[in-house]
């Protein structure tokens, strides 16, 4: 059921993932599909979109990095404190009939990919997860992914776990060894762009979750629209397939701030 009016729920549990990231657990059977998000009201601060995670029926979770005023306020909350939710919103990932498939997550992008991996394993698909982070403490959901039976390919910037370098490099090497039926990626947009380029070059179907600044979450305000198509990432997105992605000229180059101002990525040419 989609909740367009806010659903108020108490925090049931808080899992400390690392010094920057916490997972907040709620007792509610959220009806969602992999890739969708909820607009989360943080009382006294703001409403923010977060990917939905669920390990068992009757519970859902959001995994949040403390990066701004609102998310830092959320990190200061305790079990029993109330949050508001609207949703779920957005487009969803789609699985092929057979595998193997590859999931590439950077930072805390695994939060949007966990339930895709779970659904794929339930359908007996082989799942390869390319998980990258700055160090081993920031690699999310490792135990959960092992429980699912996914094959893990780890990388860290400092070499504290797995390959020393980036998950894009690990994925590119693996593409040379085997054929993936489909690829999915969530993380920093420059990483997503590099994965897209590898998939286009090798004719591998893929989907990305494209993050844009959201205000309403259901397609009215237009804040998350992308150039030049005007697709709203809260409705036509956030999940976009590789062919449609070719039509989004700003992908990997720039995005818009809360005020609508264009802001180029530092590694992209203007």
C-alpha atoms as a PDB file:
ATOM      1  CA  UNK A   1       0.000   0.000   0.000  1.00  0.00           C
ATOM      2  CA  UNK A   2       1.292   3.440  -0.942  1.00  0.00           C
ATOM      3  CA  UNK A   3       1.073   6.061   1.801  1.00  0.00           C
ATOM      4  CA  UNK A   4       0.822   9.544   0.298  1.00  0.00           C
ATOM      5  CA  UNK A   5      -0.119  10.887   3.717  1.00  0.00           C
ATOM      6  CA  UNK A   6       2.488  10.443   6.398  1.00  0.00           C
ATOM      7  CA  UNK A   7       2.589   7.163   8.296  1.00  0.00           C
ATOM      8  CA  UNK A   8       4.024   7.690  11.795  1.00  0.00           C
ATOM      9  CA  UNK A   9       6.167   4.873  13.190  1.00  0.00           C
ATOM     10  CA  UNK A  10       8.465   4.510  16.201  1.00  0.00           C
ATOM     11  CA  UNK A  11      12.048   3.375  15.759  1.00  0.00           C
ATOM     12  CA  UNK A  12      12.145  -0.291  16.809  1.00  0.00           C
ATOM     13  CA  UNK A  13      15.898  -0.793  16.703  1.00  0.00           C
ATOM     14  CA  UNK A  14      19.082   0.977  15.599  1.00  0.00           C
ATOM     15  CA  UNK A  15      22.025  -0.890  14.065  1.00  0.00           C
ATOM     16  CA  UNK A  16      25.351   0.955  14.079  1.00  0.00           C
ATOM     17  CA  UNK A  17      26.971  -0.007  10.776  1.00  0.00           C
ATOM     18  CA  UNK A  18      30.046   2.196  11.222  1.00  0.00           C
ATOM     19  CA  UNK A  19      30.953   5.642  12.534  1.00  0.00           C
ATOM     20  CA  UNK A  20      29.054   7.372   9.697  1.00  0.00           C
ATOM     21  CA  UNK A  21      26.156   5.011   8.961  1.00  0.00           C
ATOM     22  CA  UNK A  22      23.232   3.651  10.981  1.00  0.00           C
ATOM     23  CA  UNK A  23      20.331   1.388  10.030  1.00  0.00           C
ATOM     24  CA  UNK A  24      16.932   2.225  11.541  1.00  0.00           C
ATOM     25  CA  UNK A  25      14.429  -0.624  11.917  1.00  0.00           C
ATOM     26  CA  UNK A  26      10.635  -0.207  11.907  1.00  0.00           C
ATOM     27  CA  UNK A  27       7.893  -2.709  12.643  1.00  0.00           C
ATOM     28  CA  UNK A  28       5.614  -2.425   9.632  1.00  0.00           C
ATOM     29  CA  UNK A  29       4.944  -4.573   6.572  1.00  0.00           C
ATOM     30  CA  UNK A  30       5.973  -2.106   3.849  1.00  0.00           C
ATOM     31  CA  UNK A  31       4.704  -3.260   0.433  1.00  0.00           C
ATOM     32  CA  UNK A  32       7.505  -2.248  -1.932  1.00  0.00           C
ATOM     33  CA  UNK A  33       9.627  -3.513  -4.815  1.00  0.00           C
ATOM     34  CA  UNK A  34      13.436  -3.407  -5.044  1.00  0.00           C
ATOM     35  CA  UNK A  35      14.676   0.034  -6.037  1.00  0.00           C
ATOM     36  CA  UNK A  36      11.815   2.024  -4.512  1.00  0.00           C
ATOM     37  CA  UNK A  37      12.183   4.608  -1.741  1.00  0.00           C
ATOM     38  CA  UNK A  38      10.229   6.263   1.062  1.00  0.00           C
ATOM     39  CA  UNK A  39      10.071   9.964   1.869  1.00  0.00           C
ATOM     40  CA  UNK A  40      11.071  10.124   5.520  1.00  0.00           C
ATOM     41  CA  UNK A  41      10.018  12.995   7.761  1.00  0.00           C
ATOM     42  CA  UNK A  42      12.587  13.862  10.415  1.00  0.00           C
ATOM     43  CA  UNK A  43      10.565  15.956  12.908  1.00  0.00           C
ATOM     44  CA  UNK A  44      11.757  19.534  13.193  1.00  0.00           C
ATOM     45  CA  UNK A  45      14.126  19.235  10.249  1.00  0.00           C
ATOM     46  CA  UNK A  46      13.166  17.993   6.795  1.00  0.00           C
ATOM     47  CA  UNK A  47      11.811  15.176   4.671  1.00  0.00           C
ATOM     48  CA  UNK A  48      14.368  13.023   2.846  1.00  0.00           C
ATOM     49  CA  UNK A  49      14.204  10.042   0.447  1.00  0.00           C
ATOM     50  CA  UNK A  50      15.783   6.757   1.537  1.00  0.00           C
ATOM     51  CA  UNK A  51      15.909   3.341  -0.131  1.00  0.00           C
ATOM     52  CA  UNK A  52      13.844   0.623   1.540  1.00  0.00           C
ATOM     53  CA  UNK A  53      15.438  -2.511   2.980  1.00  0.00           C
ATOM     54  CA  UNK A  54      13.601  -5.531   4.376  1.00  0.00           C
ATOM     55  CA  UNK A  55      15.068  -8.816   5.645  1.00  0.00           C
ATOM     56  CA  UNK A  56      11.834 -10.322   6.958  1.00  0.00           C
ATOM     57  CA  UNK A  57       8.090  -9.827   6.684  1.00  0.00           C
ATOM     58  CA  UNK A  58       6.642  -7.267   9.071  1.00  0.00           C
ATOM     59  CA  UNK A  59       9.780  -5.088   9.225  1.00  0.00           C
ATOM     60  CA  UNK A  60      11.549  -2.589   7.040  1.00  0.00           C
ATOM     61  CA  UNK A  61      14.698  -0.526   7.444  1.00  0.00           C
ATOM     62  CA  UNK A  62      16.430   2.571   6.135  1.00  0.00           C
ATOM     63  CA  UNK A  63      20.210   2.876   6.153  1.00  0.00           C
ATOM     64  CA  UNK A  64      21.402   6.449   6.574  1.00  0.00           C
ATOM     65  CA  UNK A  65      24.775   8.198   6.444  1.00  0.00           C
ATOM     66  CA  UNK A  66      25.140  11.295   8.617  1.00  0.00           C
ATOM     67  CA  UNK A  67      26.130  13.851   5.981  1.00  0.00           C
ATOM     68  CA  UNK A  68      23.925  16.904   6.585  1.00  0.00           C
ATOM     69  CA  UNK A  69      21.842  18.639   9.248  1.00  0.00           C
ATOM     70  CA  UNK A  70      18.775  16.413   8.801  1.00  0.00           C
ATOM     71  CA  UNK A  71      20.593  13.093   8.694  1.00  0.00           C
ATOM     72  CA  UNK A  72      22.771  14.084  11.654  1.00  0.00           C
ATOM     73  CA  UNK A  73      19.561  14.873  13.554  1.00  0.00           C
ATOM     74  CA  UNK A  74      18.235  11.435  12.609  1.00  0.00           C
ATOM     75  CA  UNK A  75      21.439   9.841  13.912  1.00  0.00           C
ATOM     76  CA  UNK A  76      20.847  11.524  17.273  1.00  0.00           C
ATOM     77  CA  UNK A  77      17.412   9.892  17.670  1.00  0.00           C
ATOM     78  CA  UNK A  78      16.751   6.888  19.886  1.00  0.00           C
ATOM     79  CA  UNK A  79      14.649   3.730  19.922  1.00  0.00           C
ATOM     80  CA  UNK A  80      11.005   4.755  20.424  1.00  0.00           C
ATOM     81  CA  UNK A  81      11.355   8.141  18.701  1.00  0.00           C
ATOM     82  CA  UNK A  82       8.860   8.745  15.917  1.00  0.00           C
ATOM     83  CA  UNK A  83       9.450   9.286  12.185  1.00  0.00           C
ATOM     84  CA  UNK A  84       6.993   9.918   9.377  1.00  0.00           C
ATOM     85  CA  UNK A  85       6.892   8.017   6.082  1.00  0.00           C
ATOM     86  CA  UNK A  86       5.267   8.525   2.683  1.00  0.00           C
ATOM     87  CA  UNK A  87       5.552   5.989  -0.086  1.00  0.00           C
ATOM     88  CA  UNK A  88       6.856   3.742  -1.427  1.00  0.00           C
ATOM     89  CA  UNK A  89       7.596   5.751  -4.565  1.00  0.00           C
ATOM     90  CA  UNK A  90       9.587   5.366  -7.760  1.00  0.00           C
ATOM     91  CA  UNK A  91      10.400   2.832 -10.470  1.00  0.00           C
ATOM     92  CA  UNK A  92      11.854  -0.590  -9.705  1.00  0.00           C
ATOM     93  CA  UNK A  93      14.614  -2.956 -10.753  1.00  0.00           C
ATOM     94  CA  UNK A  94      13.709  -5.867 -13.042  1.00  0.00           C
ATOM     95  CA  UNK A  95      15.331  -9.297 -12.997  1.00  0.00           C
ATOM     96  CA  UNK A  96      16.177 -11.472 -16.020  1.00  0.00           C
ATOM     97  CA  UNK A  97      14.920 -15.041 -16.268  1.00  0.00           C
ATOM     98  CA  UNK A  98      18.410 -16.439 -15.737  1.00  0.00           C
ATOM     99  CA  UNK A  99      21.793 -15.407 -14.391  1.00  0.00           C
ATOM    100  CA  UNK A 100      24.410 -14.654 -13.404  1.00  0.00           C
ATOM    101  CA  UNK A 101      23.759 -11.020 -12.557  1.00  0.00           C
ATOM    102  CA  UNK A 102      26.115  -8.396 -11.155  1.00  0.00           C
ATOM    103  CA  UNK A 103      25.326  -5.809  -8.481  1.00  0.00           C
ATOM    104  CA  UNK A 104      27.814  -2.951  -8.119  1.00  0.00           C
ATOM    105  CA  UNK A 105      27.445  -0.808  -5.006  1.00  0.00           C
ATOM    106  CA  UNK A 106      29.554   2.126  -3.903  1.00  0.00           C
ATOM    107  CA  UNK A 107      29.381   3.711  -0.467  1.00  0.00           C
ATOM    108  CA  UNK A 108      25.986   2.887   1.061  1.00  0.00           C
ATOM    109  CA  UNK A 109      24.405   2.068  -2.319  1.00  0.00           C
ATOM    110  CA  UNK A 110      23.967  -1.524  -1.140  1.00  0.00           C
ATOM    111  CA  UNK A 111      20.879  -0.352   0.748  1.00  0.00           C
ATOM    112  CA  UNK A 112      19.006   0.005  -2.544  1.00  0.00           C
ATOM    113  CA  UNK A 113      20.325  -3.301  -3.901  1.00  0.00           C
ATOM    114  CA  UNK A 114      19.881  -5.678  -0.967  1.00  0.00           C
ATOM    115  CA  UNK A 115      16.306  -6.682  -1.728  1.00  0.00           C
ATOM    116  CA  UNK A 116      17.131  -7.121  -5.399  1.00  0.00           C
ATOM    117  CA  UNK A 117      19.835  -9.599  -4.357  1.00  0.00           C
ATOM    118  CA  UNK A 118      17.393 -11.294  -1.979  1.00  0.00           C
ATOM    119  CA  UNK A 119      14.741 -11.658  -4.686  1.00  0.00           C
ATOM    120  CA  UNK A 120      17.308 -12.923  -7.199  1.00  0.00           C
ATOM    121  CA  UNK A 121      18.575 -15.605  -4.816  1.00  0.00           C
ATOM    122  CA  UNK A 122      14.991 -16.683  -4.073  1.00  0.00           C
ATOM    123  CA  UNK A 123      14.670 -17.248  -7.841  1.00  0.00           C
ATOM    124  CA  UNK A 124      17.916 -19.286  -7.774  1.00  0.00           C
ATOM    125  CA  UNK A 125      19.905 -16.751  -9.803  1.00  0.00           C
ATOM    126  CA  UNK A 126      23.664 -16.515  -9.278  1.00  0.00           C
ATOM    127  CA  UNK A 127      24.426 -13.092  -7.814  1.00  0.00           C
ATOM    128  CA  UNK A 128      27.839 -11.409  -7.913  1.00  0.00           C
ATOM    129  CA  UNK A 129      28.166  -8.388  -5.634  1.00  0.00           C
ATOM    130  CA  UNK A 130      30.941  -5.852  -6.267  1.00  0.00           C
ATOM    131  CA  UNK A 131      31.030  -3.851  -3.075  1.00  0.00           C
ATOM    132  CA  UNK A 132      33.387  -0.924  -2.695  1.00  0.00           C
ATOM    133  CA  UNK A 133      34.096   1.469   0.164  1.00  0.00           C
ATOM    134  CA  UNK A 134      36.828   3.643   1.616  1.00  0.00           C
ATOM    135  CA  UNK A 135      37.832   0.975   4.161  1.00  0.00           C
ATOM    136  CA  UNK A 136      36.665  -2.393   5.505  1.00  0.00           C
ATOM    137  CA  UNK A 137      34.521  -0.797   8.232  1.00  0.00           C
ATOM    138  CA  UNK A 138      32.366   0.893   5.603  1.00  0.00           C
ATOM    139  CA  UNK A 139      31.502  -2.263   3.644  1.00  0.00           C
ATOM    140  CA  UNK A 140      27.759  -2.667   4.250  1.00  0.00           C
ATOM    141  CA  UNK A 141      25.695  -5.815   4.808  1.00  0.00           C
ATOM    142  CA  UNK A 142      28.553  -8.301   4.365  1.00  0.00           C
ATOM    143  CA  UNK A 143      27.034 -10.915   6.678  1.00  0.00           C
ATOM    144  CA  UNK A 144      23.591 -10.465   5.128  1.00  0.00           C
ATOM    145  CA  UNK A 145      24.961 -10.976   1.624  1.00  0.00           C
ATOM    146  CA  UNK A 146      26.867 -14.094   2.716  1.00  0.00           C
ATOM    147  CA  UNK A 147      23.627 -15.481   4.194  1.00  0.00           C
ATOM    148  CA  UNK A 148      21.950 -15.014   0.809  1.00  0.00           C
ATOM    149  CA  UNK A 149      24.711 -16.975  -0.901  1.00  0.00           C
ATOM    150  CA  UNK A 150      25.911 -14.095  -3.072  1.00  0.00           C
ATOM    151  CA  UNK A 151      29.488 -14.171  -4.404  1.00  0.00           C
ATOM    152  CA  UNK A 152      31.309 -11.161  -2.967  1.00  0.00           C
ATOM    153  CA  UNK A 153      33.969  -9.142  -4.789  1.00  0.00           C
ATOM    154  CA  UNK A 154      35.284  -6.596  -2.284  1.00  0.00           C
ATOM    155  CA  UNK A 155      37.415  -3.512  -2.817  1.00  0.00           C
ATOM    156  CA  UNK A 156      38.573  -0.731  -0.525  1.00  0.00           C
ATOM    157  CA  UNK A 157      40.440   2.478  -1.198  1.00  0.00           C
ATOM    158  CA  UNK A 158      43.017   1.665   1.488  1.00  0.00           C
ATOM    159  CA  UNK A 159      43.320  -2.059   0.775  1.00  0.00           C
ATOM    160  CA  UNK A 160      42.042  -3.065   4.231  1.00  0.00           C
ATOM    161  CA  UNK A 161      39.670  -5.596   2.619  1.00  0.00           C
ATOM    162  CA  UNK A 162      39.724  -7.169  -0.823  1.00  0.00           C
ATOM    163  CA  UNK A 163      41.232  -5.403  -3.826  1.00  0.00           C
ATOM    164  CA  UNK A 164      43.049  -2.133  -3.146  1.00  0.00           C
ATOM    165  CA  UNK A 165      41.305   0.247  -5.491  1.00  0.00           C
ATOM    166  CA  UNK A 166      37.818   0.675  -6.875  1.00  0.00           C
ATOM    167  CA  UNK A 167      34.996  -1.791  -7.481  1.00  0.00           C
ATOM    168  CA  UNK A 168      34.756  -0.522 -11.075  1.00  0.00           C
ATOM    169  CA  UNK A 169      38.207  -1.994 -11.722  1.00  0.00           C
ATOM    170  CA  UNK A 170      37.241  -5.314 -10.141  1.00  0.00           C
ATOM    171  CA  UNK A 171      34.028  -5.461 -12.174  1.00  0.00           C
ATOM    172  CA  UNK A 172      35.799  -4.664 -15.439  1.00  0.00           C
ATOM    173  CA  UNK A 173      38.253  -7.513 -14.878  1.00  0.00           C
ATOM    174  CA  UNK A 174      35.406  -9.918 -14.117  1.00  0.00           C
ATOM    175  CA  UNK A 175      33.537  -8.906 -17.281  1.00  0.00           C
ATOM    176  CA  UNK A 176      36.523 -10.248 -19.210  1.00  0.00           C
ATOM    177  CA  UNK A 177      36.149 -13.633 -17.501  1.00  0.00           C
ATOM    178  CA  UNK A 178      32.405 -14.306 -17.680  1.00  0.00           C
ATOM    179  CA  UNK A 179      29.122 -13.108 -19.161  1.00  0.00           C
ATOM    180  CA  UNK A 180      26.544 -11.356 -16.984  1.00  0.00           C
ATOM    181  CA  UNK A 181      22.917 -11.434 -18.094  1.00  0.00           C
ATOM    182  CA  UNK A 182      22.263  -8.090 -16.413  1.00  0.00           C
ATOM    183  CA  UNK A 183      24.058  -5.495 -14.287  1.00  0.00           C
ATOM    184  CA  UNK A 184      22.713  -3.157 -11.594  1.00  0.00           C
ATOM    185  CA  UNK A 185      24.547  -0.262  -9.991  1.00  0.00           C
ATOM    186  CA  UNK A 186      23.890   2.198  -7.158  1.00  0.00           C
ATOM    187  CA  UNK A 187      26.407   4.642  -5.767  1.00  0.00           C
ATOM    188  CA  UNK A 188      28.258   7.852  -6.614  1.00  0.00           C
ATOM    189  CA  UNK A 189      27.254   8.995 -10.089  1.00  0.00           C
ATOM    190  CA  UNK A 190      30.789   9.029 -11.474  1.00  0.00           C
ATOM    191  CA  UNK A 191      31.075   5.361 -10.478  1.00  0.00           C
ATOM    192  CA  UNK A 192      27.720   4.662 -12.134  1.00  0.00           C
ATOM    193  CA  UNK A 193      28.909   6.391 -15.304  1.00  0.00           C
ATOM    194  CA  UNK A 194      32.016   4.190 -15.462  1.00  0.00           C
ATOM    195  CA  UNK A 195      29.907   1.060 -14.994  1.00  0.00           C
ATOM    196  CA  UNK A 196      27.534   2.283 -17.713  1.00  0.00           C
ATOM    197  CA  UNK A 197      30.431   2.785 -20.130  1.00  0.00           C
ATOM    198  CA  UNK A 198      31.683  -0.777 -19.478  1.00  0.00           C
ATOM    199  CA  UNK A 199      28.196  -2.189 -20.036  1.00  0.00           C
ATOM    200  CA  UNK A 200      27.596  -0.180 -23.225  1.00  0.00           C
ATOM    201  CA  UNK A 201      30.965  -1.286 -24.574  1.00  0.00           C
ATOM    202  CA  UNK A 202      30.254  -4.959 -23.850  1.00  0.00           C
ATOM    203  CA  UNK A 203      26.533  -4.893 -24.779  1.00  0.00           C
ATOM    204  CA  UNK A 204      25.398  -5.901 -21.289  1.00  0.00           C
ATOM    205  CA  UNK A 205      21.847  -4.846 -20.270  1.00  0.00           C
ATOM    206  CA  UNK A 206      21.936  -2.770 -17.097  1.00  0.00           C
ATOM    207  CA  UNK A 207      19.987  -0.522 -14.761  1.00  0.00           C
ATOM    208  CA  UNK A 208      21.115   2.332 -12.530  1.00  0.00           C
ATOM    209  CA  UNK A 209      19.480   4.134  -9.643  1.00  0.00           C
ATOM    210  CA  UNK A 210      19.913   7.815 -10.429  1.00  0.00           C
ATOM    211  CA  UNK A 211      19.827  10.110  -7.416  1.00  0.00           C
ATOM    212  CA  UNK A 212      18.488  13.639  -7.747  1.00  0.00           C
ATOM    213  CA  UNK A 213      17.334  16.253  -5.231  1.00  0.00           C
ATOM    214  CA  UNK A 214      13.722  15.459  -4.279  1.00  0.00           C
ATOM    215  CA  UNK A 215      11.124  17.575  -2.544  1.00  0.00           C
ATOM    216  CA  UNK A 216       7.659  16.053  -3.053  1.00  0.00           C
ATOM    217  CA  UNK A 217       8.550  12.473  -3.975  1.00  0.00           C
ATOM    218  CA  UNK A 218       5.598  11.871  -6.293  1.00  0.00           C
ATOM    219  CA  UNK A 219       6.113  13.984  -9.402  1.00  0.00           C
ATOM    220  CA  UNK A 220       4.450  17.341  -8.676  1.00  0.00           C
ATOM    221  CA  UNK A 221       7.315  19.757  -7.992  1.00  0.00           C
ATOM    222  CA  UNK A 222       9.718  18.750 -10.778  1.00  0.00           C
ATOM    223  CA  UNK A 223      12.830  19.260  -8.636  1.00  0.00           C
ATOM    224  CA  UNK A 224      14.252  15.878  -9.627  1.00  0.00           C
ATOM    225  CA  UNK A 225      13.636  16.198 -13.382  1.00  0.00           C
ATOM    226  CA  UNK A 226      16.584  15.449 -15.676  1.00  0.00           C
ATOM    227  CA  UNK A 227      17.747  17.079 -18.915  1.00  0.00           C
ATOM    228  CA  UNK A 228      16.579  17.054 -21.634  1.00  0.00           C
ATOM    229  CA  UNK A 229      13.654  14.618 -21.271  1.00  0.00           C
ATOM    230  CA  UNK A 230      12.165  16.059 -18.109  1.00  0.00           C
ATOM    231  CA  UNK A 231      11.809  12.610 -16.574  1.00  0.00           C
ATOM    232  CA  UNK A 232      11.118  12.848 -12.855  1.00  0.00           C
ATOM    233  CA  UNK A 233      13.414  10.613 -10.848  1.00  0.00           C
ATOM    234  CA  UNK A 234      10.703  10.088  -8.240  1.00  0.00           C
ATOM    235  CA  UNK A 235       8.271   8.724 -10.877  1.00  0.00           C
ATOM    236  CA  UNK A 236      10.025   7.663 -14.104  1.00  0.00           C
ATOM    237  CA  UNK A 237      13.079   6.976 -11.928  1.00  0.00           C
ATOM    238  CA  UNK A 238      15.097   6.483  -9.863  1.00  0.00           C
ATOM    239  CA  UNK A 239      15.724   3.175 -11.678  1.00  0.00           C
ATOM    240  CA  UNK A 240      16.648   3.819 -15.324  1.00  0.00           C
ATOM    241  CA  UNK A 241      17.746   1.218 -17.866  1.00  0.00           C
ATOM    242  CA  UNK A 242      20.836   1.581 -20.008  1.00  0.00           C
ATOM    243  CA  UNK A 243      19.062   2.526 -23.218  1.00  0.00           C
ATOM    244  CA  UNK A 244      17.019   5.311 -21.611  1.00  0.00           C
ATOM    245  CA  UNK A 245      20.112   6.493 -19.783  1.00  0.00           C
ATOM    246  CA  UNK A 246      21.682   7.431 -23.134  1.00  0.00           C
ATOM    247  CA  UNK A 247      18.994  10.125 -23.443  1.00  0.00           C
ATOM    248  CA  UNK A 248      19.867  11.817 -20.124  1.00  0.00           C
ATOM    249  CA  UNK A 249      22.594  14.249 -21.146  1.00  0.00           C
ATOM    250  CA  UNK A 250      23.366  15.373 -17.587  1.00  0.00           C
ATOM    251  CA  UNK A 251      24.206  11.847 -16.400  1.00  0.00           C
ATOM    252  CA  UNK A 252      27.754  11.767 -15.082  1.00  0.00           C
ATOM    253  CA  UNK A 253      28.200  15.476 -15.823  1.00  0.00           C
ATOM    254  CA  UNK A 254      26.019  17.567 -13.519  1.00  0.00           C
ATOM    255  CA  UNK A 255      22.998  17.696 -11.242  1.00  0.00           C
ATOM    256  CA  UNK A 256      20.869  20.436  -9.697  1.00  0.00           C
ATOM    257  CA  UNK A 257      20.978  21.763  -6.146  1.00  0.00           C
ATOM    258  CA  UNK A 258      17.914  22.390  -3.964  1.00  0.00           C
ATOM    259  CA  UNK A 259      17.512  25.807  -5.626  1.00  0.00           C
ATOM    260  CA  UNK A 260      17.702  24.326  -9.130  1.00  0.00           C
ATOM    261  CA  UNK A 261      21.199  25.600  -9.871  1.00  0.00           C
ATOM    262  CA  UNK A 262      23.334  23.370 -12.094  1.00  0.00           C
ATOM    263  CA  UNK A 263      26.342  21.948 -10.263  1.00  0.00           C
ATOM    264  CA  UNK A 264      28.954  20.065 -12.304  1.00  0.00           C
ATOM    265  CA  UNK A 265      30.738  17.054 -10.887  1.00  0.00           C
ATOM    266  CA  UNK A 266      34.377  17.862 -10.190  1.00  0.00           C
ATOM    267  CA  UNK A 267      35.632  15.038 -12.397  1.00  0.00           C
ATOM    268  CA  UNK A 268      33.313  15.869 -15.307  1.00  0.00           C
ATOM    269  CA  UNK A 269      34.098  18.239 -18.157  1.00  0.00           C
ATOM    270  CA  UNK A 270      31.806  21.254 -18.384  1.00  0.00           C
END
